[in-house]
Amino acid sequence: MAINRALLFKVSLDSLATFLVGLPFFLLYFIGDPYKRGFYCDDESIRYPFKESTISSGLLFSVSIISSLVVICTTEYMSLESFRLGNAGRQPVLQFAWILYHQLIIFAFGALSSQTLTDIAKYSIGRLRPHFIDVCRPDEAFNCGQNDFRYIENYVCQGKPGISRDLMRDARLSFMSGHSSFSAYCAVYIAIYLQNRVKSPKLALPRAFLQVLVIYLSIYTGFTRISDYKHHWSDVLVGLIQGTLVAVLTTRYVAYLFKSSIIISGVGNNMNTNSSVAENLQKDKRNFSTFEVEAGPV
């Protein structure tokens, strides 16, 4: 009973921390009002036509999250099977569930941290998107003459026909690119995760292929944001850097994936296990004796 209470306490703390780190992201999305930035009459960088996204937000989030979950769950299941083969007679289901929870909650924590940081920048800076003039149709913009270098702050968006108020608000959220930061976070996190959890020489090339694939897709996502006139190139570059940085910090200091493998004794066998699991969960192993954390890399 004490074990269950301690376990529930830890899960509650993890969930609370993850919820709190993502709370600003959701609050800004639903009730945030971006900083109203002005524009120069001669600024050609915000006069591009509005285009639909090549990669929509829904597509990005669904594919990135689902594919990341599939990779993590599959890798941990393969680790479970390797453990089962070397430890006949054991029932590793509980420790598998615990390790899987540990991996997924950390991934979610980092993803929400990245998105919160992205939206704080978006709403605080209020940089105008390349299609701002086309979407907003500010009244003062039509009074700009040739060689007019005025900076206009007091304007009202009349709105392009068929454009919603949400899109007009979104036209002031260019910096930094949320698509770029989120795709970079998922790609770099999964690349580091695979590097440290998939150790079999037989899987070296498939692992490298998956790592290169997710990185390429992340960079391609950023390129589409420029070609679709959703972001300036600097928005995309900073988004990619931010997502990469958050992924590296999360895997290094929260998931401990950078530490080298160590040896843990099994039942009659020695078994390699990544220290991200072994060291970070040793306290859980002592406190929650029901859960063994001996799950080696694939």
Protein backbone atom coordinates (compact mmCIF):
# COMPACT_ATOMS: atom_id res chain seq x y z
CA MET A 1 0.00 0.00 0.00
CA ALA A 2 2.87 2.36 0.84
CA ILE A 3 4.45 1.48 -2.50
CA ASN A 4 1.26 2.36 -4.34
CA ARG A 5 1.00 5.71 -2.53
CA ALA A 6 4.64 6.54 -3.33
CA LEU A 7 4.15 5.55 -6.94
CA LEU A 8 0.98 7.62 -7.22
CA PHE A 9 2.79 10.58 -5.67
CA LYS A 10 5.60 10.41 -8.24
CA VAL A 11 3.21 10.06 -11.17
CA SER A 12 1.17 12.99 -9.83
CA LEU A 13 4.28 15.17 -9.56
CA ASP A 14 5.37 14.24 -13.09
CA SER A 15 1.92 14.99 -14.47
CA LEU A 16 1.68 18.29 -12.60
CA ALA A 17 5.09 19.45 -13.85
CA THR A 18 4.18 18.53 -17.43
CA PHE A 19 0.81 20.28 -17.15
CA LEU A 20 2.30 23.46 -15.71
CA VAL A 21 5.06 23.72 -18.30
CA GLY A 22 2.46 23.46 -21.07
CA LEU A 23 -0.18 25.69 -19.46
CA PRO A 24 1.12 29.00 -20.92
CA PHE A 25 1.04 27.45 -24.40
CA PHE A 26 -2.66 26.62 -24.13
CA LEU A 27 -3.56 29.92 -22.46
CA LEU A 28 -1.83 31.95 -25.16
CA TYR A 29 -3.42 29.88 -27.92
CA PHE A 30 -6.98 30.37 -26.64
CA ILE A 31 -6.93 33.83 -25.06
CA GLY A 32 -3.61 35.42 -26.03
CA ASP A 33 -3.46 38.72 -27.91
CA PRO A 34 -0.20 39.29 -29.80
CA TYR A 35 1.75 42.52 -29.50
CA LYS A 36 0.52 44.98 -32.13
CA ARG A 37 3.60 45.80 -34.17
CA GLY A 38 3.62 48.52 -36.80
CA PHE A 39 5.09 48.41 -40.30
CA TYR A 40 6.94 50.60 -42.78
CA CYS A 41 5.12 51.67 -45.90
CA ASP A 42 7.96 50.49 -48.11
CA ASP A 43 8.36 47.07 -46.42
CA GLU A 44 8.11 44.57 -49.26
CA SER A 45 8.78 41.57 -46.99
CA ILE A 46 5.19 41.57 -45.68
CA ARG A 47 3.41 41.99 -49.03
CA TYR A 48 3.41 38.39 -50.25
CA PRO A 49 0.12 36.68 -51.16
CA PHE A 50 -1.65 34.40 -48.69
CA LYS A 51 -1.25 30.68 -49.45
CA GLU A 52 -2.54 27.56 -47.76
CA SER A 53 0.06 25.60 -45.82
CA THR A 54 1.80 22.71 -47.54
CA ILE A 55 2.01 21.07 -44.11
CA SER A 56 -0.91 22.09 -41.93
CA SER A 57 -0.66 22.33 -38.15
CA GLY A 58 -2.97 19.35 -37.75
CA LEU A 59 -0.87 17.22 -40.09
CA LEU A 60 2.37 18.27 -38.40
CA PHE A 61 1.21 17.54 -34.86
CA SER A 62 -0.54 14.26 -35.68
CA VAL A 63 2.31 12.80 -37.76
CA SER A 64 5.07 14.01 -35.41
CA ILE A 65 3.38 12.80 -32.23
CA ILE A 66 2.12 9.48 -33.59
CA SER A 67 5.41 8.59 -35.29
CA SER A 68 7.39 9.50 -32.15
CA LEU A 69 5.10 7.36 -29.99
CA VAL A 70 5.40 4.44 -32.42
CA VAL A 71 9.21 4.65 -32.40
CA ILE A 72 9.45 4.84 -28.61
CA CYS A 73 6.88 2.09 -27.97
CA THR A 74 8.39 -0.22 -30.59
CA THR A 75 11.92 0.29 -29.29
CA GLU A 76 10.91 -0.36 -25.70
CA TYR A 77 8.94 -3.44 -26.74
CA MET A 78 11.99 -4.79 -28.56
CA SER A 79 14.00 -4.12 -25.39
CA LEU A 80 11.38 -6.06 -23.47
CA GLU A 81 11.68 -9.02 -25.83
CA SER A 82 15.49 -8.99 -25.49
CA PHE A 83 15.07 -8.95 -21.73
CA ARG A 84 12.54 -11.78 -21.83
CA LEU A 85 14.88 -14.00 -23.86
CA GLY A 86 17.71 -13.56 -21.36
CA ASN A 87 15.54 -13.88 -18.29
CA ALA A 88 13.20 -16.82 -18.78
CA GLY A 89 10.51 -17.15 -16.18
CA ARG A 90 10.41 -13.47 -15.29
CA GLN A 91 7.36 -11.25 -15.81
CA PRO A 92 8.76 -7.94 -17.10
CA VAL A 93 5.39 -6.40 -18.02
CA LEU A 94 5.29 -4.03 -15.05
CA GLN A 95 8.81 -2.73 -15.50
CA PHE A 96 8.14 -2.35 -19.23
CA ALA A 97 5.06 -0.24 -18.49
CA TRP A 98 7.02 1.85 -15.99
CA ILE A 99 9.93 2.48 -18.36
CA LEU A 100 7.53 3.28 -21.20
CA TYR A 101 5.72 5.78 -18.99
CA HIS A 102 9.08 7.32 -18.04
CA GLN A 103 10.10 7.77 -21.68
CA LEU A 104 6.76 9.18 -22.83
CA ILE A 105 6.26 11.66 -19.98
CA ILE A 106 9.74 13.11 -20.55
CA PHE A 107 9.10 13.39 -24.29
CA ALA A 108 5.83 15.21 -23.60
CA PHE A 109 7.50 17.51 -21.05
CA GLY A 110 10.13 18.58 -23.57
CA ALA A 111 7.60 19.03 -26.38
CA LEU A 112 5.40 21.28 -24.26
CA SER A 113 8.45 23.23 -23.06
CA SER A 114 9.42 23.91 -26.67
CA GLN A 115 5.92 24.97 -27.69
CA THR A 116 5.51 27.22 -24.67
CA LEU A 117 8.80 28.97 -25.41
CA THR A 118 7.75 29.36 -29.05
CA ASP A 119 4.41 30.95 -28.21
CA ILE A 120 5.88 33.27 -25.58
CA ALA A 121 8.13 34.63 -28.34
CA LYS A 122 5.25 34.82 -30.84
CA TYR A 123 2.89 36.79 -28.61
CA SER A 124 5.57 38.98 -27.02
CA ILE A 125 7.23 40.06 -30.28
CA GLY A 126 4.28 40.05 -32.69
CA ARG A 127 6.38 39.95 -35.84
CA LEU A 128 4.30 40.33 -39.00
CA ARG A 129 4.14 37.38 -41.36
CA PRO A 130 5.17 37.74 -45.03
CA HIS A 131 1.47 37.68 -46.03
CA PHE A 132 0.40 40.25 -43.42
CA ILE A 133 -0.72 43.00 -45.82
CA ASP A 134 -2.72 40.56 -47.96
CA VAL A 135 -4.52 39.05 -44.95
CA CYS A 136 -4.95 42.15 -42.78
CA ARG A 137 -5.61 44.76 -45.48
CA PRO A 138 -4.78 47.59 -43.04
CA ASP A 139 -6.55 50.83 -43.89
CA GLU A 140 -3.41 52.96 -43.65
CA ALA A 141 -1.48 50.71 -46.04
CA PHE A 142 -3.55 52.00 -48.95
CA ASN A 143 -2.50 55.55 -48.16
CA CYS A 144 1.17 54.72 -48.65
CA GLY A 145 2.64 56.49 -51.65
CA GLN A 146 5.71 55.70 -53.70
CA ASN A 147 8.96 56.30 -51.80
CA ASP A 148 6.93 56.60 -48.61
CA PHE A 149 9.07 55.53 -45.64
CA ARG A 150 6.56 56.20 -42.86
CA TYR A 151 6.26 53.81 -39.93
CA ILE A 152 2.57 53.09 -39.33
CA GLU A 153 1.45 52.04 -35.87
CA ASN A 154 -2.19 53.11 -35.79
CA TYR A 155 -4.07 50.96 -38.26
CA VAL A 156 -7.16 48.78 -38.41
CA CYS A 157 -7.27 45.44 -40.19
CA GLN A 158 -10.15 45.52 -42.67
CA GLY A 159 -9.51 41.91 -43.58
CA LYS A 160 -9.29 40.10 -46.89
CA PRO A 161 -12.69 38.71 -47.98
CA GLY A 162 -13.11 35.18 -46.65
CA ILE A 163 -10.37 35.58 -44.02
CA SER A 164 -11.37 34.94 -40.40
CA ARG A 165 -10.37 37.04 -37.40
CA ASP A 166 -8.23 34.13 -36.20
CA LEU A 167 -6.18 34.28 -39.40
CA MET A 168 -5.79 38.04 -39.04
CA ARG A 169 -4.51 37.52 -35.50
CA ASP A 170 -2.26 34.72 -36.74
CA ALA A 171 -0.73 37.10 -39.30
CA ARG A 172 1.04 38.81 -36.36
CA LEU A 173 2.67 35.61 -35.05
CA SER A 174 5.61 35.10 -37.38
CA PHE A 175 8.52 34.82 -34.93
CA MET A 176 9.47 32.11 -34.23
CA SER A 177 8.21 29.31 -36.45
CA GLY A 178 6.18 26.83 -34.41
CA HIS A 179 6.29 24.27 -37.22
CA SER A 180 10.08 24.45 -37.27
CA SER A 181 10.59 24.30 -33.51
CA PHE A 182 8.17 21.40 -32.96
CA SER A 183 9.41 19.32 -35.91
CA ALA A 184 13.04 19.93 -34.88
CA TYR A 185 12.31 18.93 -31.29
CA CYS A 186 10.64 15.66 -32.30
CA ALA A 187 13.28 14.82 -34.90
CA VAL A 188 16.32 15.51 -32.72
CA TYR A 189 14.78 13.84 -29.67
CA ILE A 190 13.99 10.67 -31.63
CA ALA A 191 17.42 10.68 -33.30
CA ILE A 192 19.18 10.87 -29.91
CA TYR A 193 16.78 8.35 -28.38
CA LEU A 194 17.47 5.81 -31.15
CA GLN A 195 21.21 6.35 -30.91
CA ASN A 196 21.18 5.48 -27.23
CA ARG A 197 18.49 2.80 -27.11
CA VAL A 198 19.24 0.81 -30.28
CA LYS A 199 22.69 -0.73 -29.80
CA SER A 200 22.58 -3.83 -32.01
CA PRO A 201 25.15 -3.70 -34.86
CA LYS A 202 22.58 -5.45 -37.06
CA LEU A 203 20.30 -2.44 -36.74
CA ALA A 204 22.95 0.24 -37.27
CA LEU A 205 21.91 1.15 -40.82
CA PRO A 206 18.13 1.03 -40.21
CA ARG A 207 18.70 3.22 -37.16
CA ALA A 208 20.79 5.68 -39.17
CA PHE A 209 18.14 5.72 -41.92
CA LEU A 210 15.41 6.64 -39.45
CA GLN A 211 17.60 9.32 -37.87
CA VAL A 212 18.41 10.91 -41.23
CA LEU A 213 14.78 10.63 -42.35
CA VAL A 214 13.32 12.49 -39.37
CA ILE A 215 15.98 15.21 -39.59
CA TYR A 216 15.33 15.68 -43.32
CA LEU A 217 11.58 15.87 -42.77
CA SER A 218 12.08 18.47 -40.05
CA ILE A 219 14.23 20.66 -42.30
CA TYR A 220 11.78 20.22 -45.19
CA THR A 221 8.97 21.37 -42.92
CA GLY A 222 10.91 24.55 -42.23
CA PHE A 223 11.51 25.12 -45.95
CA THR A 224 7.78 24.87 -46.70
CA ARG A 225 7.07 27.62 -44.18
CA ILE A 226 9.28 29.95 -46.22
CA SER A 227 7.90 28.94 -49.63
CA ASP A 228 4.31 29.21 -48.34
CA TYR A 229 5.03 32.79 -47.15
CA LYS A 230 4.15 31.84 -43.58
CA HIS A 231 7.50 32.87 -42.11
CA HIS A 232 10.62 34.85 -42.83
CA TRP A 233 13.76 32.72 -43.17
CA SER A 234 15.06 33.95 -39.80
CA ASP A 235 11.86 32.75 -38.08
CA VAL A 236 12.44 29.26 -39.44
CA LEU A 237 16.15 29.23 -38.57
CA VAL A 238 15.55 30.28 -34.96
CA GLY A 239 12.70 27.76 -34.67
CA LEU A 240 14.94 24.92 -35.83
CA ILE A 241 17.70 25.98 -33.43
CA GLN A 242 15.28 26.29 -30.50
CA GLY A 243 13.68 22.89 -31.10
CA THR A 244 17.09 21.27 -31.42
CA LEU A 245 18.38 22.94 -28.25
CA VAL A 246 15.34 21.91 -26.18
CA ALA A 247 15.61 18.32 -27.45
CA VAL A 248 19.32 18.13 -26.55
CA LEU A 249 18.76 19.61 -23.09
CA THR A 250 15.79 17.32 -22.42
CA THR A 251 17.59 14.15 -23.48
CA ARG A 252 20.74 15.11 -21.60
CA TYR A 253 19.47 16.52 -18.32
CA VAL A 254 15.99 15.02 -17.94
CA ALA A 255 16.11 11.66 -19.74
CA TYR A 256 19.90 11.20 -19.23
CA LEU A 257 20.23 9.61 -22.67
CA PHE A 258 23.78 10.92 -23.18
CA LYS A 259 25.31 8.80 -20.43
CA SER A 260 27.13 5.62 -21.39
CA SER A 261 25.75 2.12 -20.94
CA ILE A 262 26.39 0.23 -17.72
CA ILE A 263 26.01 -3.37 -16.62
CA ILE A 264 23.25 -4.59 -14.34
CA SER A 265 23.09 -8.16 -13.14
CA GLY A 266 20.14 -10.22 -14.29
CA VAL A 267 19.12 -13.65 -13.09
CA GLY A 268 22.08 -15.75 -14.09
CA ASN A 269 22.96 -13.30 -16.88
CA ASN A 270 24.64 -9.94 -17.25
CA MET A 271 22.55 -7.51 -19.17
CA ASN A 272 23.42 -4.18 -20.81
CA THR A 273 21.09 -1.35 -19.98
CA ASN A 274 21.23 2.27 -20.96
CA SER A 275 22.06 4.42 -17.97
CA SER A 276 19.20 6.73 -18.87
CA VAL A 277 16.97 4.01 -17.48
CA ALA A 278 19.32 2.52 -14.92
CA GLU A 279 20.57 5.64 -13.18
CA ASN A 280 17.51 7.83 -13.51
CA LEU A 281 15.21 5.09 -12.22
CA GLN A 282 17.39 3.53 -9.53
CA LYS A 283 15.54 5.51 -6.89
CA ASP A 284 12.27 4.21 -8.28
CA LYS A 285 13.66 0.69 -8.11
CA ARG A 286 14.45 1.14 -4.42
CA ASN A 287 11.22 2.92 -3.56
CA PHE A 288 8.89 0.83 -5.68
CA SER A 289 10.21 -2.70 -5.24
CA THR A 290 7.37 -4.06 -7.36
CA PHE A 291 9.00 -2.48 -10.41
CA GLU A 292 12.28 -3.78 -11.79
CA VAL A 293 13.95 -1.40 -14.21
CA GLU A 294 16.22 -3.87 -15.96
CA ALA A 295 15.45 -3.17 -19.61
CA GLY A 296 18.42 -3.24 -21.90
CA PRO A 297 18.86 -1.57 -25.28
CA VAL A 298 17.85 -3.35 -28.45
